[in-house]
């Protein structure tokens, strides 16, 4: 099936769920269409509740960004196969932003998770995985 019209191979879900725990896994609940005027995509990854399973080997750039709206410190981490590969940390200031970018090779069957605090709004939080190879 020709999907070249979609442009770059991208996986971009969203969630309306907020999470304040530093160690909890973020559960995304939107995968198609739009969320708060942000286009969503689903390519190269299968959805498995709290993780995304890679279905095509390759180099990927994984990016998370979220805003903290509570006056405590928390993290937003990228996990690969349950292992923290990139960590982010906020200060104790409201509206602090945590951004992580990880470029890595993923094999079919590897899975990606986002761990830590998350603001449940596409206007302030963003998660995407872009395949860097054709």
Protein backbone atom coordinates (compact mmCIF):
# COMPACT_ATOMS: atom_id res chain seq x y z
CA UNK A 1 0.00 0.00 0.00
CA UNK A 2 1.35 3.41 -0.95
CA UNK A 3 1.56 5.68 2.06
CA UNK A 4 4.11 8.13 0.65
CA UNK A 5 1.48 10.90 0.79
CA UNK A 6 1.94 10.88 4.58
CA UNK A 7 5.42 12.38 4.24
CA UNK A 8 8.04 11.30 6.77
CA UNK A 9 7.37 8.06 8.57
CA UNK A 10 6.07 9.31 11.90
CA UNK A 11 4.31 8.04 14.99
CA UNK A 12 2.66 10.84 16.96
CA UNK A 13 -0.01 10.03 19.57
CA UNK A 14 -1.52 12.33 22.19
CA UNK A 15 -3.29 12.01 25.50
CA UNK A 16 -5.80 13.96 27.53
CA UNK A 17 -4.52 12.22 30.68
CA UNK A 18 -2.25 14.11 33.05
CA UNK A 19 0.21 12.32 35.26
CA UNK A 20 2.04 13.76 38.27
CA UNK A 21 4.12 10.72 39.26
CA UNK A 22 7.86 10.65 38.51
CA UNK A 23 7.81 6.88 38.03
CA UNK A 24 4.45 6.19 36.35
CA UNK A 25 4.16 5.31 32.65
CA UNK A 26 2.21 7.79 30.51
CA UNK A 27 -0.77 6.15 28.77
CA UNK A 28 -1.64 7.79 25.45
CA UNK A 29 -5.26 7.57 24.28
CA UNK A 30 -5.42 9.39 20.92
CA UNK A 31 -3.80 8.05 17.76
CA UNK A 32 -5.64 9.33 14.67
CA UNK A 33 -7.07 12.57 13.35
CA UNK A 34 -6.33 15.69 15.33
CA UNK A 35 -6.00 16.65 18.97
CA UNK A 36 -6.19 20.36 19.79
CA UNK A 37 -5.36 21.22 16.12
CA UNK A 38 -2.29 18.96 16.17
CA UNK A 39 -2.24 16.20 13.54
CA UNK A 40 -1.73 12.67 14.86
CA UNK A 41 -0.02 9.82 12.98
CA UNK A 42 0.47 6.11 13.40
CA UNK A 43 3.16 4.42 11.35
CA UNK A 44 5.85 1.80 12.18
CA UNK A 45 4.57 1.21 15.73
CA UNK A 46 1.89 -1.01 17.23
CA UNK A 47 -0.06 0.26 20.23
CA UNK A 48 0.08 -1.90 23.37
CA UNK A 49 -1.67 0.10 26.15
CA UNK A 50 1.32 1.76 27.89
CA UNK A 51 3.99 1.09 25.24
CA UNK A 52 4.60 1.32 21.52
CA UNK A 53 6.14 -1.68 19.78
CA UNK A 54 8.44 -1.08 16.82
CA UNK A 55 7.41 -3.05 13.72
CA UNK A 56 10.13 -1.81 11.34
CA UNK A 57 13.88 -1.84 12.07
CA UNK A 58 15.68 1.48 11.66
CA UNK A 59 17.11 4.66 13.11
CA UNK A 60 14.52 6.73 14.96
CA UNK A 61 14.40 10.12 16.66
CA UNK A 62 12.17 10.05 19.75
CA UNK A 63 11.06 13.37 21.21
CA UNK A 64 9.04 14.24 24.30
CA UNK A 65 8.13 17.65 25.62
CA UNK A 66 5.74 18.51 28.43
CA UNK A 67 4.90 21.34 30.79
CA UNK A 68 4.82 21.00 34.55
CA UNK A 69 1.89 22.73 36.16
CA UNK A 70 2.30 21.64 39.77
CA UNK A 71 4.74 23.01 42.29
CA UNK A 72 6.76 19.82 42.71
CA UNK A 73 9.73 18.39 40.82
CA UNK A 74 9.22 15.50 38.43
CA UNK A 75 10.78 13.77 35.44
CA UNK A 76 9.81 12.90 31.85
CA UNK A 77 11.94 9.99 30.62
CA UNK A 78 12.22 7.93 27.44
CA UNK A 79 12.39 4.18 28.07
CA UNK A 80 13.43 1.55 25.50
CA UNK A 81 12.51 -2.02 26.44
CA UNK A 82 11.86 -0.86 30.01
CA UNK A 83 15.32 0.75 30.39
CA UNK A 84 15.64 4.50 30.87
CA UNK A 85 17.65 5.82 27.92
CA UNK A 86 17.06 9.56 28.23
CA UNK A 87 16.05 11.47 31.33
CA UNK A 88 14.55 14.89 31.81
CA UNK A 89 14.14 16.80 35.03
CA UNK A 90 12.18 19.90 35.96
CA UNK A 91 12.72 22.48 38.65
CA UNK A 92 10.09 23.22 41.27
CA UNK A 93 8.79 26.21 39.27
CA UNK A 94 5.27 26.06 37.79
CA UNK A 95 5.12 25.98 33.98
CA UNK A 96 8.66 24.62 33.63
CA UNK A 97 9.17 22.66 30.37
CA UNK A 98 10.90 19.30 30.07
CA UNK A 99 12.14 18.26 26.61
CA UNK A 100 14.00 15.07 25.66
CA UNK A 101 15.36 13.98 22.29
CA UNK A 102 16.88 10.53 21.74
CA UNK A 103 18.21 9.20 18.42
CA UNK A 104 18.64 5.43 18.46
CA UNK A 105 18.36 2.26 16.41
CA UNK A 106 15.26 0.18 17.13
CA UNK A 107 14.72 -3.42 16.09
CA UNK A 108 11.38 -5.01 15.36
CA UNK A 109 9.87 -5.93 18.75
CA UNK A 110 11.63 -3.17 20.73
CA UNK A 111 9.21 -0.99 22.65
CA UNK A 112 9.13 2.67 23.67
CA UNK A 113 7.52 4.16 26.78
CA UNK A 114 7.32 7.61 28.35
CA UNK A 115 7.83 7.65 32.11
CA UNK A 116 7.13 10.45 34.56
CA UNK A 117 5.08 13.59 34.82
CA UNK A 118 2.91 14.58 31.85
CA UNK A 119 0.57 17.50 31.22
CA UNK A 120 -2.51 16.16 29.42
CA UNK A 121 -2.84 18.78 26.69
CA UNK A 122 -1.51 18.74 23.12
CA UNK A 123 -1.04 22.49 23.40
CA UNK A 124 1.63 21.93 26.08
CA UNK A 125 2.80 18.33 25.62
CA UNK A 126 4.22 16.54 22.60
CA UNK A 127 5.49 13.03 21.84
CA UNK A 128 6.66 11.76 18.48
CA UNK A 129 8.86 9.11 16.91
CA UNK A 130 10.28 9.82 13.45
CA UNK A 131 12.01 7.20 11.30
CA UNK A 132 15.20 8.78 9.94
CA UNK A 133 15.79 6.30 7.08
CA UNK A 134 13.83 5.57 3.94
